[in-house]
N, C-alpha and C. Protein backbone atom coordinates (compact mmCIF):
# COMPACT_ATOMS: atom_id res chain seq x y z
N MET A 1 129.05 83.70 -7.18
CA MET A 1 129.18 85.03 -7.77
C MET A 1 127.92 85.40 -8.54
N ALA A 2 127.34 84.44 -9.25
CA ALA A 2 126.12 84.71 -10.01
C ALA A 2 124.98 85.08 -9.08
N ARG A 3 124.94 84.42 -7.91
CA ARG A 3 123.87 84.72 -6.96
C ARG A 3 124.02 86.14 -6.42
N LYS A 4 125.25 86.58 -6.15
CA LYS A 4 125.49 87.93 -5.66
C LYS A 4 125.13 88.97 -6.72
N THR A 5 125.47 88.69 -7.96
CA THR A 5 125.15 89.61 -9.04
C THR A 5 123.64 89.78 -9.19
N ALA A 6 122.90 88.67 -9.10
CA ALA A 6 121.44 88.72 -9.21
C ALA A 6 120.84 89.57 -8.10
N ALA A 7 121.44 89.46 -6.89
CA ALA A 7 120.91 90.20 -5.75
C ALA A 7 121.10 91.71 -5.94
N LEU A 8 122.17 92.10 -6.67
CA LEU A 8 122.47 93.50 -6.87
C LEU A 8 121.77 94.09 -8.08
N ARG A 9 121.08 93.27 -8.85
CA ARG A 9 120.44 93.73 -10.08
C ARG A 9 119.39 94.78 -9.76
N ALA A 10 119.43 95.88 -10.47
CA ALA A 10 118.46 96.95 -10.28
C ALA A 10 117.26 96.73 -11.19
N PRO A 11 116.10 97.24 -10.83
CA PRO A 11 114.94 97.11 -11.72
C PRO A 11 115.17 97.83 -13.04
N ASP A 12 114.53 97.32 -14.09
CA ASP A 12 114.68 97.91 -15.42
C ASP A 12 113.34 97.84 -16.16
N LEU A 13 113.37 98.03 -17.46
CA LEU A 13 112.15 98.05 -18.27
C LEU A 13 112.06 96.84 -19.20
N LEU A 14 112.80 95.78 -18.91
CA LEU A 14 112.78 94.61 -19.78
C LEU A 14 111.40 93.95 -19.81
N LEU A 15 110.78 93.83 -18.67
CA LEU A 15 109.44 93.22 -18.62
C LEU A 15 108.44 94.08 -19.37
N GLU A 16 108.53 95.39 -19.20
CA GLU A 16 107.62 96.30 -19.89
C GLU A 16 107.76 96.18 -21.41
N SER A 17 108.99 96.04 -21.86
CA SER A 17 109.24 96.01 -23.31
C SER A 17 108.68 94.76 -23.96
N ALA A 18 108.40 93.73 -23.16
CA ALA A 18 107.85 92.49 -23.69
C ALA A 18 106.33 92.46 -23.67
N CYS A 19 105.69 93.55 -23.24
CA CYS A 19 104.24 93.60 -23.11
C CYS A 19 103.65 94.65 -24.06
N PRO A 20 102.36 94.51 -24.40
CA PRO A 20 101.70 95.54 -25.20
C PRO A 20 101.70 96.87 -24.45
N ALA A 21 101.97 97.95 -25.14
CA ALA A 21 101.98 99.27 -24.52
C ALA A 21 100.61 99.96 -24.66
N PRO A 22 100.29 100.85 -23.72
CA PRO A 22 101.07 101.23 -22.54
C PRO A 22 100.94 100.22 -21.40
N VAL A 23 102.03 100.05 -20.68
CA VAL A 23 102.09 99.09 -19.58
C VAL A 23 102.10 99.85 -18.26
N CYS A 24 101.29 99.41 -17.31
CA CYS A 24 101.36 100.00 -15.97
C CYS A 24 101.92 98.99 -15.00
N GLY A 25 102.74 99.48 -14.09
CA GLY A 25 103.17 98.67 -12.96
C GLY A 25 102.20 98.87 -11.81
N VAL A 26 101.94 97.81 -11.05
CA VAL A 26 100.97 97.87 -9.95
C VAL A 26 101.56 97.19 -8.72
N ASP A 27 101.43 97.84 -7.57
CA ASP A 27 101.89 97.23 -6.32
C ASP A 27 101.04 97.78 -5.18
N GLU A 28 101.06 97.05 -4.06
CA GLU A 28 100.29 97.47 -2.89
C GLU A 28 101.21 97.73 -1.71
N ALA A 29 100.65 98.37 -0.69
CA ALA A 29 101.36 98.59 0.57
C ALA A 29 100.36 98.45 1.71
N GLY A 30 100.80 97.81 2.78
CA GLY A 30 99.95 97.74 3.97
C GLY A 30 99.13 96.48 4.12
N ARG A 31 99.61 95.35 3.61
CA ARG A 31 98.86 94.11 3.84
C ARG A 31 99.08 93.58 5.25
N GLY A 32 100.22 93.89 5.85
CA GLY A 32 100.56 93.31 7.14
C GLY A 32 100.13 94.05 8.38
N PRO A 33 99.90 95.36 8.35
CA PRO A 33 99.59 96.10 9.58
C PRO A 33 98.30 95.64 10.26
N TRP A 34 98.20 96.00 11.53
CA TRP A 34 97.01 95.69 12.33
C TRP A 34 95.96 96.80 12.22
N ALA A 35 96.32 97.91 11.60
CA ALA A 35 95.40 99.05 11.53
C ALA A 35 95.59 99.79 10.22
N GLY A 36 94.53 100.46 9.80
CA GLY A 36 94.60 101.29 8.61
C GLY A 36 94.25 100.54 7.34
N PRO A 37 94.02 101.27 6.26
CA PRO A 37 93.65 100.66 4.98
C PRO A 37 94.85 100.03 4.29
N VAL A 38 94.57 99.32 3.23
CA VAL A 38 95.62 98.86 2.33
C VAL A 38 95.60 99.79 1.12
N SER A 39 96.76 100.11 0.61
CA SER A 39 96.85 101.05 -0.52
C SER A 39 97.50 100.36 -1.71
N ALA A 40 97.34 100.97 -2.88
CA ALA A 40 97.97 100.45 -4.09
C ALA A 40 98.33 101.62 -5.00
N GLY A 41 99.38 101.42 -5.77
CA GLY A 41 99.79 102.40 -6.77
C GLY A 41 99.80 101.77 -8.14
N ALA A 42 99.57 102.58 -9.16
CA ALA A 42 99.66 102.15 -10.56
C ALA A 42 100.38 103.24 -11.32
N VAL A 43 101.37 102.87 -12.13
CA VAL A 43 102.18 103.87 -12.82
C VAL A 43 102.49 103.42 -14.24
N ILE A 44 102.28 104.31 -15.19
CA ILE A 44 102.77 104.13 -16.56
C ILE A 44 103.94 105.08 -16.73
N LEU A 45 105.14 104.54 -16.77
CA LEU A 45 106.33 105.37 -16.86
C LEU A 45 106.58 105.85 -18.29
N ASP A 46 107.21 107.00 -18.40
CA ASP A 46 107.73 107.48 -19.68
C ASP A 46 109.17 106.99 -19.77
N PRO A 47 109.48 106.06 -20.70
CA PRO A 47 110.84 105.51 -20.77
C PRO A 47 111.92 106.57 -20.94
N ALA A 48 111.56 107.73 -21.47
CA ALA A 48 112.54 108.79 -21.68
C ALA A 48 112.72 109.67 -20.44
N ARG A 49 111.90 109.43 -19.41
CA ARG A 49 111.96 110.29 -18.21
C ARG A 49 111.85 109.44 -16.94
N ILE A 50 112.81 108.54 -16.76
CA ILE A 50 112.82 107.69 -15.58
C ILE A 50 113.53 108.42 -14.44
N PRO A 51 112.87 108.60 -13.31
CA PRO A 51 113.52 109.29 -12.18
C PRO A 51 114.79 108.55 -11.73
N HIS A 52 115.83 109.30 -11.44
CA HIS A 52 117.08 108.71 -10.98
C HIS A 52 116.90 108.10 -9.59
N GLY A 53 117.42 106.89 -9.40
CA GLY A 53 117.34 106.23 -8.11
C GLY A 53 116.07 105.44 -7.88
N LEU A 54 115.25 105.30 -8.89
CA LEU A 54 113.99 104.57 -8.75
C LEU A 54 114.26 103.11 -8.41
N ASN A 55 113.63 102.63 -7.35
CA ASN A 55 113.89 101.26 -6.88
C ASN A 55 112.73 100.81 -6.01
N ASP A 56 112.79 99.55 -5.61
CA ASP A 56 111.83 98.98 -4.67
C ASP A 56 111.72 99.90 -3.45
N SER A 57 110.49 100.25 -3.07
CA SER A 57 110.29 101.20 -1.97
C SER A 57 110.92 100.73 -0.67
N LYS A 58 111.00 99.40 -0.47
CA LYS A 58 111.56 98.86 0.77
C LYS A 58 113.07 99.11 0.88
N LYS A 59 113.71 99.39 -0.24
CA LYS A 59 115.16 99.62 -0.24
C LYS A 59 115.50 101.10 -0.11
N LEU A 60 114.49 101.94 0.03
CA LEU A 60 114.69 103.39 0.06
C LEU A 60 114.33 103.96 1.42
N THR A 61 114.96 105.06 1.78
CA THR A 61 114.58 105.77 3.00
C THR A 61 113.27 106.51 2.77
N ALA A 62 112.62 106.92 3.86
CA ALA A 62 111.38 107.67 3.74
C ALA A 62 111.61 108.96 2.96
N ARG A 63 112.72 109.61 3.20
CA ARG A 63 113.02 110.86 2.50
C ARG A 63 113.19 110.62 1.00
N ALA A 64 113.90 109.53 0.65
CA ALA A 64 114.09 109.21 -0.77
C ALA A 64 112.77 108.89 -1.44
N ARG A 65 111.90 108.14 -0.74
CA ARG A 65 110.59 107.81 -1.30
C ARG A 65 109.77 109.07 -1.57
N GLU A 66 109.80 109.99 -0.62
CA GLU A 66 109.00 111.21 -0.78
C GLU A 66 109.51 112.06 -1.94
N GLY A 67 110.82 112.10 -2.13
CA GLY A 67 111.37 112.82 -3.27
C GLY A 67 111.02 112.16 -4.59
N LEU A 68 111.11 110.83 -4.61
CA LEU A 68 110.78 110.11 -5.83
C LEU A 68 109.29 110.17 -6.14
N GLU A 69 108.45 110.24 -5.12
CA GLU A 69 107.02 110.37 -5.35
C GLU A 69 106.74 111.60 -6.22
N ILE A 70 107.38 112.72 -5.87
CA ILE A 70 107.19 113.95 -6.64
C ILE A 70 107.68 113.76 -8.07
N GLU A 71 108.85 113.15 -8.24
CA GLU A 71 109.41 112.96 -9.57
C GLU A 71 108.55 112.02 -10.41
N ILE A 72 108.04 110.96 -9.79
CA ILE A 72 107.19 110.01 -10.52
C ILE A 72 105.93 110.71 -11.02
N LYS A 73 105.29 111.47 -10.13
CA LYS A 73 104.05 112.14 -10.50
C LYS A 73 104.29 113.21 -11.57
N THR A 74 105.48 113.77 -11.58
CA THR A 74 105.80 114.80 -12.56
C THR A 74 106.16 114.22 -13.92
N SER A 75 106.87 113.09 -13.93
CA SER A 75 107.43 112.57 -15.17
C SER A 75 106.65 111.43 -15.80
N ALA A 76 105.83 110.73 -15.04
CA ALA A 76 105.12 109.56 -15.57
C ALA A 76 104.06 109.97 -16.59
N ILE A 77 103.77 109.05 -17.50
CA ILE A 77 102.67 109.26 -18.44
C ILE A 77 101.34 109.30 -17.70
N ALA A 78 101.21 108.44 -16.70
CA ALA A 78 100.00 108.42 -15.86
C ALA A 78 100.32 107.72 -14.55
N TRP A 79 99.62 108.11 -13.51
CA TRP A 79 99.78 107.46 -12.21
C TRP A 79 98.45 107.49 -11.47
N GLY A 80 98.27 106.55 -10.57
CA GLY A 80 97.05 106.50 -9.77
C GLY A 80 97.31 105.80 -8.44
N VAL A 81 96.52 106.16 -7.43
CA VAL A 81 96.60 105.54 -6.12
C VAL A 81 95.20 105.15 -5.69
N GLY A 82 95.06 103.98 -5.10
CA GLY A 82 93.76 103.53 -4.60
C GLY A 82 93.89 102.94 -3.21
N PHE A 83 92.78 102.95 -2.48
CA PHE A 83 92.75 102.40 -1.12
C PHE A 83 91.59 101.42 -1.00
N ALA A 84 91.72 100.48 -0.07
CA ALA A 84 90.59 99.68 0.40
C ALA A 84 90.52 99.85 1.91
N SER A 85 89.35 100.13 2.40
CA SER A 85 89.18 100.52 3.80
C SER A 85 89.29 99.34 4.75
N VAL A 86 89.34 99.66 6.04
CA VAL A 86 89.36 98.62 7.08
C VAL A 86 88.10 97.77 6.99
N ASP A 87 86.94 98.39 6.76
CA ASP A 87 85.70 97.63 6.63
C ASP A 87 85.76 96.69 5.42
N GLU A 88 86.34 97.15 4.32
CA GLU A 88 86.46 96.30 3.13
C GLU A 88 87.45 95.17 3.37
N ILE A 89 88.49 95.42 4.15
CA ILE A 89 89.42 94.34 4.51
C ILE A 89 88.69 93.26 5.31
N SER A 90 87.86 93.70 6.25
CA SER A 90 87.10 92.73 7.06
C SER A 90 86.11 91.95 6.21
N GLU A 91 85.48 92.62 5.26
CA GLU A 91 84.46 91.98 4.42
C GLU A 91 85.07 91.04 3.38
N LEU A 92 86.16 91.45 2.76
CA LEU A 92 86.70 90.72 1.61
C LEU A 92 87.86 89.81 1.95
N ASN A 93 88.57 90.04 3.01
CA ASN A 93 89.87 89.54 3.46
C ASN A 93 90.97 90.40 2.83
N ILE A 94 92.15 90.34 3.41
CA ILE A 94 93.21 91.28 3.02
C ILE A 94 93.68 91.07 1.59
N LEU A 95 93.70 89.83 1.11
CA LEU A 95 94.15 89.58 -0.26
C LEU A 95 93.24 90.27 -1.26
N HIS A 96 91.94 90.05 -1.14
CA HIS A 96 91.01 90.62 -2.11
C HIS A 96 90.81 92.12 -1.90
N ALA A 97 91.01 92.60 -0.68
CA ALA A 97 90.98 94.05 -0.45
C ALA A 97 92.18 94.70 -1.15
N ALA A 98 93.33 94.04 -1.13
CA ALA A 98 94.49 94.56 -1.85
C ALA A 98 94.20 94.61 -3.35
N GLY A 99 93.52 93.58 -3.86
CA GLY A 99 93.13 93.58 -5.27
C GLY A 99 92.17 94.70 -5.60
N LEU A 100 91.26 95.00 -4.67
CA LEU A 100 90.32 96.10 -4.87
C LEU A 100 91.07 97.43 -4.93
N ALA A 101 92.02 97.63 -4.02
CA ALA A 101 92.83 98.85 -4.04
C ALA A 101 93.60 98.96 -5.35
N MET A 102 94.13 97.83 -5.85
CA MET A 102 94.85 97.84 -7.12
C MET A 102 93.93 98.24 -8.27
N ARG A 103 92.72 97.67 -8.28
CA ARG A 103 91.79 98.01 -9.35
C ARG A 103 91.44 99.50 -9.32
N ARG A 104 91.24 100.04 -8.13
CA ARG A 104 90.94 101.46 -8.01
C ARG A 104 92.12 102.31 -8.49
N ALA A 105 93.34 101.87 -8.20
CA ALA A 105 94.51 102.62 -8.65
C ALA A 105 94.60 102.62 -10.18
N VAL A 106 94.37 101.46 -10.79
CA VAL A 106 94.43 101.35 -12.26
C VAL A 106 93.31 102.16 -12.90
N GLU A 107 92.12 102.09 -12.31
CA GLU A 107 90.98 102.81 -12.88
C GLU A 107 91.15 104.33 -12.77
N SER A 108 91.99 104.77 -11.85
CA SER A 108 92.19 106.21 -11.69
C SER A 108 93.26 106.77 -12.62
N LEU A 109 93.94 105.90 -13.37
CA LEU A 109 94.94 106.37 -14.33
C LEU A 109 94.29 107.25 -15.39
N GLY A 110 94.98 108.28 -15.80
CA GLY A 110 94.45 109.14 -16.85
C GLY A 110 94.58 108.55 -18.23
N VAL A 111 95.35 107.48 -18.35
CA VAL A 111 95.55 106.76 -19.61
C VAL A 111 95.19 105.30 -19.38
N SER A 112 94.41 104.70 -20.26
CA SER A 112 94.01 103.30 -20.10
C SER A 112 95.17 102.39 -20.49
N PRO A 113 95.65 101.56 -19.57
CA PRO A 113 96.76 100.67 -19.91
C PRO A 113 96.29 99.49 -20.75
N ALA A 114 97.19 99.02 -21.62
CA ALA A 114 96.90 97.82 -22.39
C ALA A 114 97.29 96.57 -21.63
N PHE A 115 98.14 96.74 -20.61
CA PHE A 115 98.67 95.60 -19.87
C PHE A 115 99.12 96.07 -18.50
N ALA A 116 99.09 95.16 -17.52
CA ALA A 116 99.54 95.48 -16.16
C ALA A 116 100.54 94.44 -15.68
N LEU A 117 101.64 94.91 -15.13
CA LEU A 117 102.60 94.08 -14.42
C LEU A 117 102.32 94.25 -12.94
N VAL A 118 101.96 93.15 -12.27
CA VAL A 118 101.52 93.22 -10.88
C VAL A 118 102.50 92.47 -9.99
N ASP A 119 102.95 93.13 -8.93
CA ASP A 119 103.86 92.48 -7.99
C ASP A 119 103.16 91.32 -7.29
N GLY A 120 103.87 90.20 -7.14
CA GLY A 120 103.33 89.05 -6.44
C GLY A 120 102.97 87.91 -7.38
N ASN A 121 102.17 86.99 -6.88
CA ASN A 121 101.82 85.81 -7.67
C ASN A 121 100.32 85.59 -7.81
N TYR A 122 99.51 86.57 -7.38
CA TYR A 122 98.07 86.41 -7.47
C TYR A 122 97.53 87.25 -8.63
N PRO A 123 96.84 86.62 -9.59
CA PRO A 123 96.34 87.35 -10.77
C PRO A 123 95.02 88.07 -10.49
N PHE A 124 95.11 89.24 -9.88
CA PHE A 124 93.91 90.02 -9.59
C PHE A 124 93.20 90.42 -10.89
N GLN A 125 91.89 90.55 -10.81
CA GLN A 125 91.12 91.00 -11.96
C GLN A 125 91.19 92.52 -12.06
N LEU A 126 91.87 92.99 -13.08
CA LEU A 126 92.03 94.42 -13.32
C LEU A 126 91.41 94.77 -14.66
N PRO A 127 91.29 96.06 -14.99
CA PRO A 127 90.64 96.46 -16.24
C PRO A 127 91.44 96.14 -17.51
N CYS A 128 92.54 95.40 -17.38
CA CYS A 128 93.37 95.03 -18.52
C CYS A 128 94.04 93.70 -18.22
N PRO A 129 94.63 93.04 -19.23
CA PRO A 129 95.36 91.80 -18.96
C PRO A 129 96.48 92.01 -17.95
N VAL A 130 96.79 90.95 -17.20
CA VAL A 130 97.72 91.03 -16.08
C VAL A 130 98.81 89.97 -16.22
N ARG A 131 100.02 90.36 -15.87
CA ARG A 131 101.11 89.40 -15.67
C ARG A 131 101.63 89.60 -14.26
N THR A 132 101.66 88.54 -13.46
CA THR A 132 102.20 88.64 -12.11
C THR A 132 103.71 88.47 -12.14
N VAL A 133 104.38 89.16 -11.24
CA VAL A 133 105.84 89.12 -11.17
C VAL A 133 106.25 89.01 -9.70
N VAL A 134 106.72 87.84 -9.30
CA VAL A 134 107.18 87.67 -7.92
C VAL A 134 108.43 88.51 -7.71
N GLY A 135 108.43 89.31 -6.66
CA GLY A 135 109.54 90.23 -6.42
C GLY A 135 109.61 91.32 -7.47
N GLY A 136 108.46 91.68 -8.01
CA GLY A 136 108.41 92.61 -9.13
C GLY A 136 108.93 93.99 -8.82
N ASP A 137 108.80 94.43 -7.56
CA ASP A 137 109.27 95.77 -7.23
C ASP A 137 110.79 95.89 -7.28
N GLY A 138 111.48 94.75 -7.33
CA GLY A 138 112.92 94.76 -7.50
C GLY A 138 113.36 94.42 -8.91
N LYS A 139 112.38 94.18 -9.81
CA LYS A 139 112.69 93.79 -11.19
C LYS A 139 112.20 94.80 -12.21
N SER A 140 111.01 95.33 -11.99
CA SER A 140 110.37 96.22 -12.94
C SER A 140 110.36 97.65 -12.41
N LEU A 141 110.83 98.59 -13.21
CA LEU A 141 110.81 99.99 -12.80
C LEU A 141 109.38 100.50 -12.60
N SER A 142 108.46 100.02 -13.41
CA SER A 142 107.07 100.45 -13.28
C SER A 142 106.46 99.98 -11.96
N ILE A 143 106.74 98.74 -11.59
CA ILE A 143 106.24 98.22 -10.32
C ILE A 143 106.93 98.94 -9.16
N ALA A 144 108.23 99.19 -9.29
CA ALA A 144 108.95 99.93 -8.25
C ALA A 144 108.33 101.30 -8.03
N ALA A 145 108.00 101.99 -9.12
CA ALA A 145 107.36 103.30 -9.01
C ALA A 145 106.02 103.18 -8.32
N ALA A 146 105.25 102.16 -8.66
CA ALA A 146 103.94 101.94 -8.04
C ALA A 146 104.10 101.65 -6.55
N SER A 147 105.14 100.89 -6.19
CA SER A 147 105.36 100.57 -4.78
C SER A 147 105.66 101.83 -3.97
N ILE A 148 106.38 102.77 -4.57
CA ILE A 148 106.69 104.02 -3.89
C ILE A 148 105.43 104.86 -3.66
N LEU A 149 104.61 104.99 -4.70
CA LEU A 149 103.38 105.77 -4.54
C LEU A 149 102.46 105.16 -3.50
N ALA A 150 102.34 103.84 -3.51
CA ALA A 150 101.47 103.17 -2.54
C ALA A 150 101.98 103.36 -1.12
N LYS A 151 103.28 103.19 -0.94
CA LYS A 151 103.88 103.29 0.39
C LYS A 151 103.78 104.71 0.93
N VAL A 152 104.13 105.70 0.13
CA VAL A 152 104.11 107.09 0.61
C VAL A 152 102.68 107.54 0.91
N ALA A 153 101.73 107.15 0.05
CA ALA A 153 100.34 107.55 0.27
C ALA A 153 99.81 106.96 1.57
N ARG A 154 100.12 105.69 1.82
CA ARG A 154 99.62 105.07 3.04
C ARG A 154 100.30 105.63 4.28
N ASP A 155 101.63 105.82 4.22
CA ASP A 155 102.34 106.40 5.36
C ASP A 155 101.79 107.78 5.70
N ARG A 156 101.52 108.57 4.67
CA ARG A 156 100.99 109.91 4.90
C ARG A 156 99.62 109.85 5.59
N LEU A 157 98.79 108.91 5.15
CA LEU A 157 97.47 108.75 5.76
C LEU A 157 97.59 108.32 7.22
N MET A 158 98.53 107.42 7.50
CA MET A 158 98.67 106.94 8.88
C MET A 158 99.20 108.05 9.80
N ILE A 159 99.99 108.96 9.27
CA ILE A 159 100.42 110.12 10.06
C ILE A 159 99.21 110.99 10.40
N GLU A 160 98.30 111.14 9.44
CA GLU A 160 97.06 111.88 9.70
C GLU A 160 96.22 111.16 10.76
N MET A 161 96.21 109.83 10.70
CA MET A 161 95.44 109.05 11.68
C MET A 161 96.03 109.17 13.07
N ASP A 162 97.33 109.43 13.16
CA ASP A 162 97.97 109.60 14.46
C ASP A 162 97.39 110.81 15.19
N ALA A 163 97.10 111.86 14.42
CA ALA A 163 96.50 113.05 15.02
C ALA A 163 95.03 112.81 15.39
N ARG A 164 94.35 112.00 14.60
CA ARG A 164 92.94 111.74 14.86
C ARG A 164 92.75 110.76 16.02
N TYR A 165 93.68 109.80 16.13
CA TYR A 165 93.60 108.78 17.19
C TYR A 165 94.90 108.81 17.99
N PRO A 166 95.08 109.82 18.84
CA PRO A 166 96.34 109.96 19.58
C PRO A 166 96.55 108.83 20.57
N GLY A 167 97.81 108.55 20.83
CA GLY A 167 98.17 107.55 21.83
C GLY A 167 98.62 106.22 21.25
N TYR A 168 98.26 105.95 19.99
CA TYR A 168 98.62 104.66 19.39
C TYR A 168 99.98 104.68 18.69
N GLY A 169 100.48 105.86 18.38
CA GLY A 169 101.78 105.94 17.72
C GLY A 169 101.77 105.63 16.25
N PHE A 170 100.63 105.85 15.59
CA PHE A 170 100.51 105.49 14.18
C PHE A 170 101.54 106.20 13.29
N ALA A 171 101.94 107.41 13.66
CA ALA A 171 102.91 108.14 12.84
C ALA A 171 104.25 107.42 12.80
N GLY A 172 104.56 106.69 13.87
CA GLY A 172 105.83 105.98 13.92
C GLY A 172 105.80 104.60 13.29
N HIS A 173 104.85 103.76 13.73
CA HIS A 173 104.86 102.37 13.26
C HIS A 173 103.90 102.11 12.10
N LYS A 174 103.07 103.10 11.74
CA LYS A 174 102.16 103.01 10.59
C LYS A 174 101.16 101.86 10.70
N GLY A 175 100.89 101.41 11.92
CA GLY A 175 99.89 100.36 12.12
C GLY A 175 100.46 98.96 12.23
N TYR A 176 101.76 98.81 12.04
CA TYR A 176 102.39 97.49 12.17
C TYR A 176 102.49 97.08 13.64
N GLY A 177 102.84 95.84 13.89
CA GLY A 177 102.85 95.30 15.24
C GLY A 177 104.11 95.61 16.02
N ALA A 178 104.47 96.86 16.12
CA ALA A 178 105.63 97.30 16.88
C ALA A 178 105.32 97.24 18.38
N PRO A 179 106.36 97.16 19.23
CA PRO A 179 106.12 97.13 20.68
C PRO A 179 105.25 98.28 21.17
N ALA A 180 105.46 99.49 20.62
CA ALA A 180 104.65 100.64 21.04
C ALA A 180 103.18 100.44 20.69
N HIS A 181 102.93 99.77 19.57
CA HIS A 181 101.54 99.51 19.16
C HIS A 181 100.91 98.46 20.07
N ILE A 182 101.66 97.43 20.40
CA ILE A 182 101.17 96.39 21.30
C ILE A 182 100.80 96.99 22.65
N SER A 183 101.67 97.86 23.14
CA SER A 183 101.42 98.51 24.43
C SER A 183 100.19 99.41 24.38
N ALA A 184 100.05 100.15 23.30
CA ALA A 184 98.90 101.05 23.16
C ALA A 184 97.59 100.28 23.07
N LEU A 185 97.61 99.17 22.35
CA LEU A 185 96.40 98.34 22.25
C LEU A 185 95.98 97.83 23.63
N ALA A 186 96.94 97.39 24.42
CA ALA A 186 96.63 96.89 25.75
C ALA A 186 96.10 98.00 26.65
N ARG A 187 96.62 99.20 26.46
CA ARG A 187 96.26 100.32 27.32
C ARG A 187 94.95 100.99 26.92
N LEU A 188 94.76 101.15 25.60
CA LEU A 188 93.62 101.93 25.10
C LEU A 188 92.52 101.08 24.46
N GLY A 189 92.86 99.86 24.08
CA GLY A 189 91.92 99.06 23.31
C GLY A 189 91.94 99.50 21.85
N PRO A 190 91.29 98.76 20.96
CA PRO A 190 91.29 99.12 19.54
C PRO A 190 90.49 100.38 19.25
N CYS A 191 90.86 101.08 18.19
CA CYS A 191 90.10 102.25 17.74
C CYS A 191 89.42 101.91 16.41
N GLU A 192 88.80 102.89 15.80
CA GLU A 192 87.98 102.65 14.60
C GLU A 192 88.78 102.13 13.40
N ILE A 193 90.07 102.42 13.33
CA ILE A 193 90.83 101.99 12.16
C ILE A 193 91.62 100.70 12.40
N HIS A 194 91.38 100.04 13.51
CA HIS A 194 92.02 98.75 13.72
C HIS A 194 91.28 97.66 12.94
N ARG A 195 92.03 96.70 12.46
CA ARG A 195 91.47 95.59 11.68
C ARG A 195 90.98 94.52 12.66
N THR A 196 89.69 94.50 12.88
CA THR A 196 89.13 93.67 13.95
C THR A 196 89.21 92.18 13.67
N THR A 197 89.54 91.78 12.44
CA THR A 197 89.69 90.35 12.15
C THR A 197 91.11 89.87 12.43
N TRP A 198 92.03 90.77 12.75
CA TRP A 198 93.41 90.39 13.07
C TRP A 198 93.46 89.83 14.49
N ALA A 199 94.19 88.74 14.69
CA ALA A 199 94.24 88.08 15.99
C ALA A 199 94.68 89.00 17.13
N PRO A 200 95.73 89.82 16.98
CA PRO A 200 96.12 90.69 18.10
C PRO A 200 95.04 91.70 18.46
N VAL A 201 94.29 92.16 17.47
CA VAL A 201 93.21 93.12 17.73
C VAL A 201 92.04 92.42 18.42
N GLN A 202 91.74 91.19 17.98
CA GLN A 202 90.68 90.42 18.64
C GLN A 202 91.00 90.17 20.10
N LYS A 203 92.27 89.89 20.40
CA LYS A 203 92.67 89.67 21.79
C LYS A 203 92.47 90.95 22.59
N ALA A 204 92.80 92.08 22.00
CA ALA A 204 92.61 93.35 22.69
C ALA A 204 91.13 93.63 22.93
N LEU A 205 90.28 93.26 21.96
CA LEU A 205 88.83 93.44 22.13
C LEU A 205 88.30 92.59 23.28
N ARG A 206 88.92 91.43 23.49
CA ARG A 206 88.51 90.55 24.59
C ARG A 206 89.16 90.95 25.91
N GLY A 207 90.02 91.96 25.87
CA GLY A 207 90.68 92.41 27.08
C GLY A 207 91.83 91.53 27.51
N GLU A 208 92.36 90.73 26.58
CA GLU A 208 93.46 89.83 26.92
C GLU A 208 94.81 90.54 26.79
C-alpha cells in the first residue's frame, strides 16, 4: 500500500522550501531523439500562483502541456528556455549538451536564482548552487514546470522542422526512433538536423 501511495504522490514545493530562495526548477527534453536539438526549461514559481494540474510533462497530454505552458509563463516569477544545437551535441556529447541548454535556460531568467533543483543525478555547472533530484519532475513543482516548458518548446521546433525537412515525419515523432522515422532515414538519408553521432544515423550515412 505504501508503494502505491508513493506512486500516486503529486509534485509539491517541499524541496523548494528547504532551499535558499528564489529557487528555480530545471529540466531538459530531447536527450533520446535521433534528430533535433536538446532543450531545457528553468522556472521560478510563485507559490501563491501555482497553475492547476501542474505535473511531470510525461504524464500530461500535448494539449494539457500547451495550456500549462501559457499559465506557467503568465504566473511564474521568472521562466527561461534554452537549446543546444545538433552540432553542440556532436561536439560535447548529449549529456554535456543538455547541461549547456540548462545553463542557457537559467541565464535567460529575468530573476537570478539563489538555488537550482535539477532533474536527474548529474550536477551540471549552473550560475547558482545545484541540488540534483532523481525523478524530480514528479516530485518538485518547479522541475515539473520546467519539464513542460522544455518539452513544448522542443516539440514546437520539431513541428517547424517538419515543414523545412519534409518526408521525415518530425511533426509526429519529434525525432525519436519511431518506425516512420526509421523508414524515412532509409529512404531519404539523414538531413541537416540529424545527430550524426547516433548509431542509427551513422548506419543511414553508410547506406545500411
